[in-house]
Amino acid sequence: MFSKNPGIFYRTSLPTMVGDFYSQLDECFASLRGIAQDSDSDLFKLVIFHDPVSEDENLKRHVYARKLLAKAFTEKCPTFILVCQVPVPPFAVSIEAGFVKRGSCQTIYR
């Protein structure tokens, strides 16, 4: 994805280790926090791809991701979607994230 606004950029995050959905998501979120801090940016959009499982497990994963986001990005929690699409093997999760440079435009979080 490309943006005409130089203050907006996108990154893909893959875990560096093989594991379950939860441990890999934790690692990806840590990576996103580092990108946001290093680039003086806020995360505003997140797409999480995961291997579809049961409806109950999908709901648990959604709740876990929402709580993890609220904890990791306390003041500016981005919108996110959990997409049932198999990520690149051997990973249980992959992430596409949109960032905005602080001060480049106004971002409203709800």
PDB file of N, CA and C in Angstrom:
ATOM      1  N   MET A   1       0.838  -1.181   0.000  1.00  0.00           N
ATOM      2  CA  MET A   1       0.000   0.000   0.000  1.00  0.00           C
ATOM      3  C   MET A   1       0.881   1.242   0.000  1.00  0.00           C
ATOM      4  N   PHE A   2       0.466   2.209  -0.772  1.00  0.00           N
ATOM      5  CA  PHE A   2       1.208   3.453  -0.825  1.00  0.00           C
ATOM      6  C   PHE A   2       0.286   4.605  -0.497  1.00  0.00           C
ATOM      7  N   SER A   3       0.830   5.650   0.019  1.00  0.00           N
ATOM      8  CA  SER A   3       0.069   6.821   0.400  1.00  0.00           C
ATOM      9  C   SER A   3       0.711   8.059  -0.202  1.00  0.00           C
ATOM     10  N   LYS A   4      -0.136   9.000  -0.595  1.00  0.00           N
ATOM     11  CA  LYS A   4       0.384  10.270  -1.107  1.00  0.00           C
ATOM     12  C   LYS A   4       0.831  11.177   0.030  1.00  0.00           C
ATOM     13  N   ASN A   5       0.395  10.873   1.242  1.00  0.00           N
ATOM     14  CA  ASN A   5       0.802  11.639   2.412  1.00  0.00           C
ATOM     15  C   ASN A   5       2.081  11.020   2.953  1.00  0.00           C
ATOM     16  N   PRO A   6       3.202  11.769   2.940  1.00  0.00           N
ATOM     17  CA  PRO A   6       4.462  11.193   3.429  1.00  0.00           C
ATOM     18  C   PRO A   6       4.446  10.878   4.924  1.00  0.00           C
ATOM     19  N   GLY A   7       3.441  11.355   5.637  1.00  0.00           N
ATOM     20  CA  GLY A   7       3.348  11.077   7.061  1.00  0.00           C
ATOM     21  C   GLY A   7       2.682   9.747   7.368  1.00  0.00           C
ATOM     22  N   ILE A   8       2.163   9.072   6.332  1.00  0.00           N
ATOM     23  CA  ILE A   8       1.492   7.790   6.515  1.00  0.00           C
ATOM     24  C   ILE A   8       2.320   6.698   5.851  1.00  0.00           C
ATOM     25  N   PHE A   9       2.553   5.614   6.579  1.00  0.00           N
ATOM     26  CA  PHE A   9       3.288   4.500   5.994  1.00  0.00           C
ATOM     27  C   PHE A   9       2.765   3.180   6.549  1.00  0.00           C
ATOM     28  N   TYR A  10       3.050   2.109   5.840  1.00  0.00           N
ATOM     29  CA  TYR A  10       2.549   0.781   6.194  1.00  0.00           C
ATOM     30  C   TYR A  10       3.700  -0.189   6.360  1.00  0.00           C
ATOM     31  N   ARG A  11       3.528  -1.155   7.260  1.00  0.00           N
ATOM     32  CA  ARG A  11       4.528  -2.187   7.494  1.00  0.00           C
ATOM     33  C   ARG A  11       3.831  -3.543   7.647  1.00  0.00           C
ATOM     34  N   THR A  12       4.544  -4.580   7.266  1.00  0.00           N
ATOM     35  CA  THR A  12       4.102  -5.951   7.497  1.00  0.00           C
ATOM     36  C   THR A  12       4.964  -6.520   8.607  1.00  0.00           C
ATOM     37  N   SER A  13       4.338  -7.252   9.509  1.00  0.00           N
ATOM     38  CA  SER A  13       5.076  -7.839  10.616  1.00  0.00           C
ATOM     39  C   SER A  13       4.825  -9.341  10.649  1.00  0.00           C
ATOM     40  N   LEU A  14       5.920 -10.092  10.705  1.00  0.00           N
ATOM     41  CA  LEU A  14       5.874 -11.543  10.874  1.00  0.00           C
ATOM     42  C   LEU A  14       6.665 -11.896  12.129  1.00  0.00           C
ATOM     43  N   PRO A  15       6.230 -12.898  12.852  1.00  0.00           N
ATOM     44  CA  PRO A  15       7.000 -13.306  14.032  1.00  0.00           C
ATOM     45  C   PRO A  15       8.349 -13.887  13.611  1.00  0.00           C
ATOM     46  N   THR A  16       9.289 -13.857  14.518  1.00  0.00           N
ATOM     47  CA  THR A  16      10.616 -14.402  14.220  1.00  0.00           C
ATOM     48  C   THR A  16      10.763 -15.828  14.733  1.00  0.00           C
ATOM     49  N   MET A  17       9.730 -16.313  15.437  1.00  0.00           N
ATOM     50  CA  MET A  17       9.793 -17.665  15.972  1.00  0.00           C
ATOM     51  C   MET A  17       8.511 -18.412  15.639  1.00  0.00           C
ATOM     52  N   VAL A  18       8.606 -19.721  15.606  1.00  0.00           N
ATOM     53  CA  VAL A  18       7.439 -20.561  15.375  1.00  0.00           C
ATOM     54  C   VAL A  18       6.763 -20.805  16.722  1.00  0.00           C
ATOM     55  N   GLY A  19       5.450 -20.722  16.734  1.00  0.00           N
ATOM     56  CA  GLY A  19       4.710 -20.927  17.976  1.00  0.00           C
ATOM     57  C   GLY A  19       3.227 -20.865  17.697  1.00  0.00           C
ATOM     58  N   ASP A  20       2.447 -20.718  18.751  1.00  0.00           N
ATOM     59  CA  ASP A  20       1.004 -20.640  18.565  1.00  0.00           C
ATOM     60  C   ASP A  20       0.592 -19.197  18.250  1.00  0.00           C
ATOM     61  N   PHE A  21      -0.678 -19.010  17.960  1.00  0.00           N
ATOM     62  CA  PHE A  21      -1.214 -17.692  17.599  1.00  0.00           C
ATOM     63  C   PHE A  21      -0.885 -16.647  18.655  1.00  0.00           C
ATOM     64  N   TYR A  22      -1.092 -16.982  19.909  1.00  0.00           N
ATOM     65  CA  TYR A  22      -0.957 -16.005  20.991  1.00  0.00           C
ATOM     66  C   TYR A  22       0.485 -15.549  21.181  1.00  0.00           C
ATOM     67  N   SER A  23       1.415 -16.473  21.202  1.00  0.00           N
ATOM     68  CA  SER A  23       2.824 -16.086  21.385  1.00  0.00           C
ATOM     69  C   SER A  23       3.338 -15.311  20.180  1.00  0.00           C
ATOM     70  N   GLN A  24       2.911 -15.680  18.990  1.00  0.00           N
ATOM     71  CA  GLN A  24       3.347 -14.959  17.795  1.00  0.00           C
ATOM     72  C   GLN A  24       2.720 -13.570  17.733  1.00  0.00           C
ATOM     73  N   LEU A  25       1.458 -13.445  18.157  1.00  0.00           N
ATOM     74  CA  LEU A  25       0.822 -12.126  18.183  1.00  0.00           C
ATOM     75  C   LEU A  25       1.518 -11.211  19.182  1.00  0.00           C
ATOM     76  N   ASP A  26       1.863 -11.759  20.353  1.00  0.00           N
ATOM     77  CA  ASP A  26       2.605 -10.976  21.351  1.00  0.00           C
ATOM     78  C   ASP A  26       3.889 -10.417  20.745  1.00  0.00           C
ATOM     79  N   GLU A  27       4.620 -11.265  20.028  1.00  0.00           N
ATOM     80  CA  GLU A  27       5.880 -10.839  19.434  1.00  0.00           C
ATOM     81  C   GLU A  27       5.662  -9.772  18.356  1.00  0.00           C
ATOM     82  N   CYS A  28       4.649  -9.958  17.529  1.00  0.00           N
ATOM     83  CA  CYS A  28       4.367  -8.964  16.484  1.00  0.00           C
ATOM     84  C   CYS A  28       3.988  -7.618  17.093  1.00  0.00           C
ATOM     85  N   PHE A  29       3.186  -7.646  18.169  1.00  0.00           N
ATOM     86  CA  PHE A  29       2.803  -6.393  18.813  1.00  0.00           C
ATOM     87  C   PHE A  29       4.013  -5.677  19.404  1.00  0.00           C
ATOM     88  N   ALA A  30       4.939  -6.426  19.964  1.00  0.00           N
ATOM     89  CA  ALA A  30       6.169  -5.823  20.489  1.00  0.00           C
ATOM     90  C   ALA A  30       6.940  -5.152  19.350  1.00  0.00           C
ATOM     91  N   SER A  31       6.980  -5.793  18.210  1.00  0.00           N
ATOM     92  CA  SER A  31       7.637  -5.220  17.040  1.00  0.00           C
ATOM     93  C   SER A  31       6.945  -3.932  16.599  1.00  0.00           C
ATOM     94  N   LEU A  32       5.620  -3.925  16.595  1.00  0.00           N
ATOM     95  CA  LEU A  32       4.864  -2.730  16.199  1.00  0.00           C
ATOM     96  C   LEU A  32       5.105  -1.570  17.160  1.00  0.00           C
ATOM     97  N   ARG A  33       5.162  -1.875  18.461  1.00  0.00           N
ATOM     98  CA  ARG A  33       5.466  -0.819  19.444  1.00  0.00           C
ATOM     99  C   ARG A  33       6.836  -0.220  19.167  1.00  0.00           C
ATOM    100  N   GLY A  34       7.803  -1.063  18.814  1.00  0.00           N
ATOM    101  CA  GLY A  34       9.143  -0.583  18.488  1.00  0.00           C
ATOM    102  C   GLY A  34       9.151   0.290  17.243  1.00  0.00           C
ATOM    103  N   ILE A  35       8.419  -0.120  16.225  1.00  0.00           N
ATOM    104  CA  ILE A  35       8.333   0.689  14.994  1.00  0.00           C
ATOM    105  C   ILE A  35       7.719   2.041  15.305  1.00  0.00           C
ATOM    106  N   ALA A  36       6.625   2.050  16.080  1.00  0.00           N
ATOM    107  CA  ALA A  36       5.963   3.308  16.431  1.00  0.00           C
ATOM    108  C   ALA A  36       6.907   4.226  17.208  1.00  0.00           C
ATOM    109  N   GLN A  37       7.615   3.675  18.159  1.00  0.00           N
ATOM    110  CA  GLN A  37       8.521   4.480  18.973  1.00  0.00           C
ATOM    111  C   GLN A  37       9.707   4.985  18.157  1.00  0.00           C
ATOM    112  N   ASP A  38      10.325   4.111  17.378  1.00  0.00           N
ATOM    113  CA  ASP A  38      11.512   4.489  16.595  1.00  0.00           C
ATOM    114  C   ASP A  38      11.204   5.517  15.505  1.00  0.00           C
ATOM    115  N   SER A  39       9.991   5.481  14.982  1.00  0.00           N
ATOM    116  CA  SER A  39       9.644   6.382  13.884  1.00  0.00           C
ATOM    117  C   SER A  39       8.812   7.570  14.345  1.00  0.00           C
ATOM    118  N   ASP A  40       8.600   7.711  15.655  1.00  0.00           N
ATOM    119  CA  ASP A  40       7.791   8.785  16.234  1.00  0.00           C
ATOM    120  C   ASP A  40       6.422   8.829  15.549  1.00  0.00           C
ATOM    121  N   SER A  41       5.783   7.649  15.521  1.00  0.00           N
ATOM    122  CA  SER A  41       4.510   7.498  14.826  1.00  0.00           C
ATOM    123  C   SER A  41       3.480   6.833  15.724  1.00  0.00           C
ATOM    124  N   ASP A  42       2.214   6.951  15.312  1.00  0.00           N
ATOM    125  CA  ASP A  42       1.121   6.263  15.987  1.00  0.00           C
ATOM    126  C   ASP A  42       0.555   5.209  15.048  1.00  0.00           C
ATOM    127  N   LEU A  43       0.210   4.080  15.605  1.00  0.00           N
ATOM    128  CA  LEU A  43      -0.446   3.019  14.858  1.00  0.00           C
ATOM    129  C   LEU A  43      -1.914   3.395  14.731  1.00  0.00           C
ATOM    130  N   PHE A  44      -2.444   3.421  13.497  1.00  0.00           N
ATOM    131  CA  PHE A  44      -3.841   3.801  13.345  1.00  0.00           C
ATOM    132  C   PHE A  44      -4.702   2.707  12.727  1.00  0.00           C
ATOM    133  N   LYS A  45      -4.090   1.708  12.135  1.00  0.00           N
ATOM    134  CA  LYS A  45      -4.854   0.654  11.472  1.00  0.00           C
ATOM    135  C   LYS A  45      -4.080  -0.647  11.544  1.00  0.00           C
ATOM    136  N   LEU A  46      -4.801  -1.737  11.798  1.00  0.00           N
ATOM    137  CA  LEU A  46      -4.146  -3.026  11.959  1.00  0.00           C
ATOM    138  C   LEU A  46      -5.013  -4.124  11.346  1.00  0.00           C
ATOM    139  N   VAL A  47      -4.388  -4.946  10.511  1.00  0.00           N
ATOM    140  CA  VAL A  47      -5.052  -6.124   9.944  1.00  0.00           C
ATOM    141  C   VAL A  47      -4.257  -7.336  10.408  1.00  0.00           C
ATOM    142  N   ILE A  48      -4.924  -8.240  11.120  1.00  0.00           N
ATOM    143  CA  ILE A  48      -4.284  -9.436  11.659  1.00  0.00           C
ATOM    144  C   ILE A  48      -4.807 -10.642  10.876  1.00  0.00           C
ATOM    145  N   PHE A  49      -3.906 -11.336  10.224  1.00  0.00           N
ATOM    146  CA  PHE A  49      -4.269 -12.546   9.485  1.00  0.00           C
ATOM    147  C   PHE A  49      -3.951 -13.757  10.345  1.00  0.00           C
ATOM    148  N   HIS A  50      -4.876 -14.709  10.385  1.00  0.00           N
ATOM    149  CA  HIS A  50      -4.637 -15.922  11.167  1.00  0.00           C
ATOM    150  C   HIS A  50      -5.326 -17.101  10.497  1.00  0.00           C
ATOM    151  N   ASP A  51      -4.872 -18.277  10.840  1.00  0.00           N
ATOM    152  CA  ASP A  51      -5.439 -19.510  10.311  1.00  0.00           C
ATOM    153  C   ASP A  51      -6.818 -19.709  10.932  1.00  0.00           C
ATOM    154  N   PRO A  52      -7.853 -19.808  10.117  1.00  0.00           N
ATOM    155  CA  PRO A  52      -9.196 -19.959  10.696  1.00  0.00           C
ATOM    156  C   PRO A  52      -9.336 -21.269  11.467  1.00  0.00           C
ATOM    157  N   VAL A  53      -9.978 -21.166  12.606  1.00  0.00           N
ATOM    158  CA  VAL A  53     -10.239 -22.331  13.450  1.00  0.00           C
ATOM    159  C   VAL A  53     -11.725 -22.324  13.785  1.00  0.00           C
ATOM    160  N   SER A  54     -12.106 -22.795  14.918  1.00  0.00           N
ATOM    161  CA  SER A  54     -13.521 -22.799  15.303  1.00  0.00           C
ATOM    162  C   SER A  54     -14.016 -21.381  15.588  1.00  0.00           C
ATOM    163  N   GLU A  55     -15.322 -21.244  15.568  1.00  0.00           N
ATOM    164  CA  GLU A  55     -15.921 -19.942  15.859  1.00  0.00           C
ATOM    165  C   GLU A  55     -15.572 -19.479  17.274  1.00  0.00           C
ATOM    166  N   ASP A  56     -15.590 -20.403  18.228  1.00  0.00           N
ATOM    167  CA  ASP A  56     -15.242 -20.064  19.617  1.00  0.00           C
ATOM    168  C   ASP A  56     -13.795 -19.586  19.720  1.00  0.00           C
ATOM    169  N   GLU A  57     -12.871 -20.295  19.061  1.00  0.00           N
ATOM    170  CA  GLU A  57     -11.461 -19.903  19.109  1.00  0.00           C
ATOM    171  C   GLU A  57     -11.251 -18.565  18.408  1.00  0.00           C
ATOM    172  N   ASN A  58     -11.960 -18.325  17.312  1.00  0.00           N
ATOM    173  CA  ASN A  58     -11.848 -17.033  16.620  1.00  0.00           C
ATOM    174  C   ASN A  58     -12.277 -15.891  17.542  1.00  0.00           C
ATOM    175  N   LEU A  59     -13.355 -16.104  18.286  1.00  0.00           N
ATOM    176  CA  LEU A  59     -13.814 -15.093  19.235  1.00  0.00           C
ATOM    177  C   LEU A  59     -12.781 -14.874  20.333  1.00  0.00           C
ATOM    178  N   LYS A  60     -12.182 -15.946  20.866  1.00  0.00           N
ATOM    179  CA  LYS A  60     -11.144 -15.819  21.888  1.00  0.00           C
ATOM    180  C   LYS A  60      -9.949 -15.024  21.355  1.00  0.00           C
ATOM    181  N   ARG A  61      -9.572 -15.296  20.119  1.00  0.00           N
ATOM    182  CA  ARG A  61      -8.444 -14.578  19.515  1.00  0.00           C
ATOM    183  C   ARG A  61      -8.760 -13.101  19.333  1.00  0.00           C
ATOM    184  N   HIS A  62     -10.001 -12.802  18.946  1.00  0.00           N
ATOM    185  CA  HIS A  62     -10.402 -11.405  18.769  1.00  0.00           C
ATOM    186  C   HIS A  62     -10.344 -10.653  20.098  1.00  0.00           C
ATOM    187  N   VAL A  63     -10.882 -11.269  21.135  1.00  0.00           N
ATOM    188  CA  VAL A  63     -10.871 -10.657  22.473  1.00  0.00           C
ATOM    189  C   VAL A  63      -9.431 -10.480  22.953  1.00  0.00           C
ATOM    190  N   TYR A  64      -8.599 -11.485  22.763  1.00  0.00           N
ATOM    191  CA  TYR A  64      -7.189 -11.400  23.171  1.00  0.00           C
ATOM    192  C   TYR A  64      -6.481 -10.260  22.443  1.00  0.00           C
ATOM    193  N   ALA A  65      -6.691 -10.160  21.126  1.00  0.00           N
ATOM    194  CA  ALA A  65      -6.047  -9.097  20.346  1.00  0.00           C
ATOM    195  C   ALA A  65      -6.521  -7.725  20.808  1.00  0.00           C
ATOM    196  N   ARG A  66      -7.816  -7.585  21.084  1.00  0.00           N
ATOM    197  CA  ARG A  66      -8.355  -6.296  21.537  1.00  0.00           C
ATOM    198  C   ARG A  66      -7.734  -5.897  22.876  1.00  0.00           C
ATOM    199  N   LYS A  67      -7.631  -6.841  23.795  1.00  0.00           N
ATOM    200  CA  LYS A  67      -7.041  -6.544  25.109  1.00  0.00           C
ATOM    201  C   LYS A  67      -5.551  -6.229  24.986  1.00  0.00           C
ATOM    202  N   LEU A  68      -4.861  -6.962  24.139  1.00  0.00           N
ATOM    203  CA  LEU A  68      -3.431  -6.729  23.933  1.00  0.00           C
ATOM    204  C   LEU A  68      -3.191  -5.353  23.319  1.00  0.00           C
ATOM    205  N   LEU A  69      -4.021  -4.972  22.354  1.00  0.00           N
ATOM    206  CA  LEU A  69      -3.907  -3.642  21.748  1.00  0.00           C
ATOM    207  C   LEU A  69      -4.163  -2.548  22.774  1.00  0.00           C
ATOM    208  N   ALA A  70      -5.220  -2.716  23.569  1.00  0.00           N
ATOM    209  CA  ALA A  70      -5.546  -1.707  24.583  1.00  0.00           C
ATOM    210  C   ALA A  70      -4.415  -1.548  25.585  1.00  0.00           C
ATOM    211  N   LYS A  71      -3.732  -2.639  25.902  1.00  0.00           N
ATOM    212  CA  LYS A  71      -2.608  -2.588  26.843  1.00  0.00           C
ATOM    213  C   LYS A  71      -1.360  -1.992  26.187  1.00  0.00           C
ATOM    214  N   ALA A  72      -1.095  -2.383  24.940  1.00  0.00           N
ATOM    215  CA  ALA A  72       0.126  -1.941  24.254  1.00  0.00           C
ATOM    216  C   ALA A  72       0.038  -0.493  23.789  1.00  0.00           C
ATOM    217  N   PHE A  73      -1.148  -0.059  23.406  1.00  0.00           N
ATOM    218  CA  PHE A  73      -1.337   1.299  22.880  1.00  0.00           C
ATOM    219  C   PHE A  73      -2.439   1.967  23.690  1.00  0.00           C
ATOM    220  N   THR A  74      -2.137   2.244  24.950  1.00  0.00           N
ATOM    221  CA  THR A  74      -3.143   2.681  25.917  1.00  0.00           C
ATOM    222  C   THR A  74      -3.861   3.967  25.527  1.00  0.00           C
ATOM    223  N   GLU A  75      -3.128   4.975  25.108  1.00  0.00           N
ATOM    224  CA  GLU A  75      -3.750   6.265  24.825  1.00  0.00           C
ATOM    225  C   GLU A  75      -4.325   6.346  23.423  1.00  0.00           C
ATOM    226  N   LYS A  76      -3.710   5.653  22.494  1.00  0.00           N
ATOM    227  CA  LYS A  76      -4.130   5.740  21.094  1.00  0.00           C
ATOM    228  C   LYS A  76      -4.266   4.333  20.527  1.00  0.00           C
ATOM    229  N   CYS A  77      -5.369   3.690  20.878  1.00  0.00           N
ATOM    230  CA  CYS A  77      -5.598   2.313  20.454  1.00  0.00           C
ATOM    231  C   CYS A  77      -6.188   2.298  19.041  1.00  0.00           C
ATOM    232  N   PRO A  78      -5.526   1.634  18.111  1.00  0.00           N
ATOM    233  CA  PRO A  78      -5.976   1.649  16.719  1.00  0.00           C
ATOM    234  C   PRO A  78      -7.162   0.717  16.463  1.00  0.00           C
ATOM    235  N   THR A  79      -7.816   0.937  15.342  1.00  0.00           N
ATOM    236  CA  THR A  79      -8.822  -0.005  14.895  1.00  0.00           C
ATOM    237  C   THR A  79      -8.114  -1.242  14.374  1.00  0.00           C
ATOM    238  N   PHE A  80      -8.801  -2.384  14.423  1.00  0.00           N
ATOM    239  CA  PHE A  80      -8.187  -3.594  13.897  1.00  0.00           C
ATOM    240  C   PHE A  80      -9.257  -4.546  13.395  1.00  0.00           C
ATOM    241  N   ILE A  81      -8.824  -5.459  12.566  1.00  0.00           N
ATOM    242  CA  ILE A  81      -9.690  -6.514  12.073  1.00  0.00           C
ATOM    243  C   ILE A  81      -8.899  -7.815  12.100  1.00  0.00           C
ATOM    244  N   LEU A  82      -9.569  -8.877  12.483  1.00  0.00           N
ATOM    245  CA  LEU A  82      -8.980 -10.203  12.502  1.00  0.00           C
ATOM    246  C   LEU A  82      -9.519 -10.939  11.278  1.00  0.00           C
ATOM    247  N   VAL A  83      -8.642 -11.240  10.332  1.00  0.00           N
ATOM    248  CA  VAL A  83      -9.042 -11.851   9.063  1.00  0.00           C
ATOM    249  C   VAL A  83      -8.699 -13.340   9.077  1.00  0.00           C
ATOM    250  N   CYS A  84      -9.690 -14.159   8.776  1.00  0.00           N
ATOM    251  CA  CYS A  84      -9.484 -15.610   8.705  1.00  0.00           C
ATOM    252  C   CYS A  84      -8.871 -15.950   7.338  1.00  0.00           C
ATOM    253  N   GLN A  85      -7.586 -15.803   7.283  1.00  0.00           N
ATOM    254  CA  GLN A  85      -6.817 -16.124   6.069  1.00  0.00           C
ATOM    255  C   GLN A  85      -5.474 -16.667   6.522  1.00  0.00           C
ATOM    256  N   VAL A  86      -5.097 -17.804   5.997  1.00  0.00           N
ATOM    257  CA  VAL A  86      -3.862 -18.460   6.415  1.00  0.00           C
ATOM    258  C   VAL A  86      -2.663 -17.571   6.101  1.00  0.00           C
ATOM    259  N   PRO A  87      -1.859 -17.244   7.116  1.00  0.00           N
ATOM    260  CA  PRO A  87      -0.646 -16.455   6.876  1.00  0.00           C
ATOM    261  C   PRO A  87       0.433 -17.306   6.199  1.00  0.00           C
ATOM    262  N   VAL A  88       1.532 -16.680   5.916  1.00  0.00           N
ATOM    263  CA  VAL A  88       2.657 -17.378   5.294  1.00  0.00           C
ATOM    264  C   VAL A  88       3.132 -18.492   6.219  1.00  0.00           C
ATOM    265  N   PRO A  89       3.168 -19.748   5.737  1.00  0.00           N
ATOM    266  CA  PRO A  89       3.685 -20.837   6.581  1.00  0.00           C
ATOM    267  C   PRO A  89       5.149 -20.591   6.934  1.00  0.00           C
ATOM    268  N   PRO A  90       5.590 -20.915   8.095  1.00  0.00           N
ATOM    269  CA  PRO A  90       4.961 -21.717   9.149  1.00  0.00           C
ATOM    270  C   PRO A  90       4.284 -20.869  10.222  1.00  0.00           C
ATOM    271  N   PHE A  91       3.971 -19.645   9.911  1.00  0.00           N
ATOM    272  CA  PHE A  91       3.472 -18.726  10.939  1.00  0.00           C
ATOM    273  C   PHE A  91       1.983 -18.891  11.194  1.00  0.00           C
ATOM    274  N   ALA A  92       1.576 -18.627  12.429  1.00  0.00           N
ATOM    275  CA  ALA A  92       0.176 -18.677  12.826  1.00  0.00           C
ATOM    276  C   ALA A  92      -0.483 -17.308  12.692  1.00  0.00           C
ATOM    277  N   VAL A  93       0.331 -16.265  12.474  1.00  0.00           N
ATOM    278  CA  VAL A  93      -0.189 -14.901  12.385  1.00  0.00           C
ATOM    279  C   VAL A  93       0.734 -14.055  11.504  1.00  0.00           C
ATOM    280  N   SER A  94       0.140 -13.104  10.817  1.00  0.00           N
ATOM    281  CA  SER A  94       0.900 -12.048  10.144  1.00  0.00           C
ATOM    282  C   SER A  94       0.081 -10.769  10.263  1.00  0.00           C
ATOM    283  N   ILE A  95       0.766  -9.638  10.204  1.00  0.00           N
ATOM    284  CA  ILE A  95       0.108  -8.358  10.463  1.00  0.00           C
ATOM    285  C   ILE A  95       0.477  -7.336   9.392  1.00  0.00           C
ATOM    286  N   GLU A  96      -0.526  -6.569   8.965  1.00  0.00           N
ATOM    287  CA  GLU A  96      -0.306  -5.374   8.153  1.00  0.00           C
ATOM    288  C   GLU A  96      -0.725  -4.194   9.015  1.00  0.00           C
ATOM    289  N   ALA A  97       0.158  -3.232   9.162  1.00  0.00           N
ATOM    290  CA  ALA A  97      -0.099  -2.116  10.069  1.00  0.00           C
ATOM    291  C   ALA A  97       0.088  -0.787   9.361  1.00  0.00           C
ATOM    292  N   GLY A  98      -0.803   0.161   9.653  1.00  0.00           N
ATOM    293  CA  GLY A  98      -0.696   1.522   9.139  1.00  0.00           C
ATOM    294  C   GLY A  98      -0.269   2.449  10.252  1.00  0.00           C
ATOM    295  N   PHE A  99       0.723   3.284   9.954  1.00  0.00           N
ATOM    296  CA  PHE A  99       1.252   4.250  10.923  1.00  0.00           C
ATOM    297  C   PHE A  99       1.113   5.662  10.375  1.00  0.00           C
ATOM    298  N   VAL A 100       1.011   6.620  11.276  1.00  0.00           N
ATOM    299  CA  VAL A 100       1.000   8.029  10.911  1.00  0.00           C
ATOM    300  C   VAL A 100       2.031   8.747  11.769  1.00  0.00           C
ATOM    301  N   LYS A 101       2.884   9.529  11.118  1.00  0.00           N
ATOM    302  CA  LYS A 101       3.892  10.311  11.846  1.00  0.00           C
ATOM    303  C   LYS A 101       3.181  11.323  12.738  1.00  0.00           C
ATOM    304  N   ARG A 102       3.622  11.411  13.969  1.00  0.00           N
ATOM    305  CA  ARG A 102       3.021  12.372  14.902  1.00  0.00           C
ATOM    306  C   ARG A 102       3.216  13.792  14.380  1.00  0.00           C
ATOM    307  N   GLY A 103       2.122  14.531  14.390  1.00  0.00           N
ATOM    308  CA  GLY A 103       2.174  15.915  13.928  1.00  0.00           C
ATOM    309  C   GLY A 103       1.936  16.103  12.446  1.00  0.00           C
ATOM    310  N   SER A 104       1.850  15.023  11.672  1.00  0.00           N
ATOM    311  CA  SER A 104       1.668  15.169  10.223  1.00  0.00           C
ATOM    312  C   SER A 104       0.206  15.338   9.841  1.00  0.00           C
ATOM    313  N   CYS A 105      -0.694  14.863  10.675  1.00  0.00           N
ATOM    314  CA  CYS A 105      -2.124  15.041  10.463  1.00  0.00           C
ATOM    315  C   CYS A 105      -2.853  14.709  11.760  1.00  0.00           C
ATOM    316  N   GLN A 106      -4.114  15.008  11.807  1.00  0.00           N
ATOM    317  CA  GLN A 106      -4.886  14.734  13.015  1.00  0.00           C
ATOM    318  C   GLN A 106      -5.500  13.345  12.923  1.00  0.00           C
ATOM    319  N   THR A 107      -5.302  12.544  13.947  1.00  0.00           N
ATOM    320  CA  THR A 107      -5.887  11.209  14.038  1.00  0.00           C
ATOM    321  C   THR A 107      -6.774  11.182  15.282  1.00  0.00           C
ATOM    322  N   ILE A 108      -8.014  10.772  15.092  1.00  0.00           N
ATOM    323  CA  ILE A 108      -8.960  10.713  16.210  1.00  0.00           C
ATOM    324  C   ILE A 108      -9.212   9.252  16.559  1.00  0.00           C
ATOM    325  N   TYR A 109      -8.965   8.904  17.807  1.00  0.00           N
ATOM    326  CA  TYR A 109      -9.170   7.543  18.306  1.00  0.00           C
ATOM    327  C   TYR A 109     -10.414   7.518  19.162  1.00  0.00           C
ATOM    328  N   ARG A 110     -11.205   6.468  19.042  1.00  0.00           N
ATOM    329  CA  ARG A 110     -12.433   6.341  19.847  1.00  0.00           C
ATOM    330  C   ARG A 110     -12.370   5.129  20.719  1.00  0.00           C
TER     331      ARG A 110
END
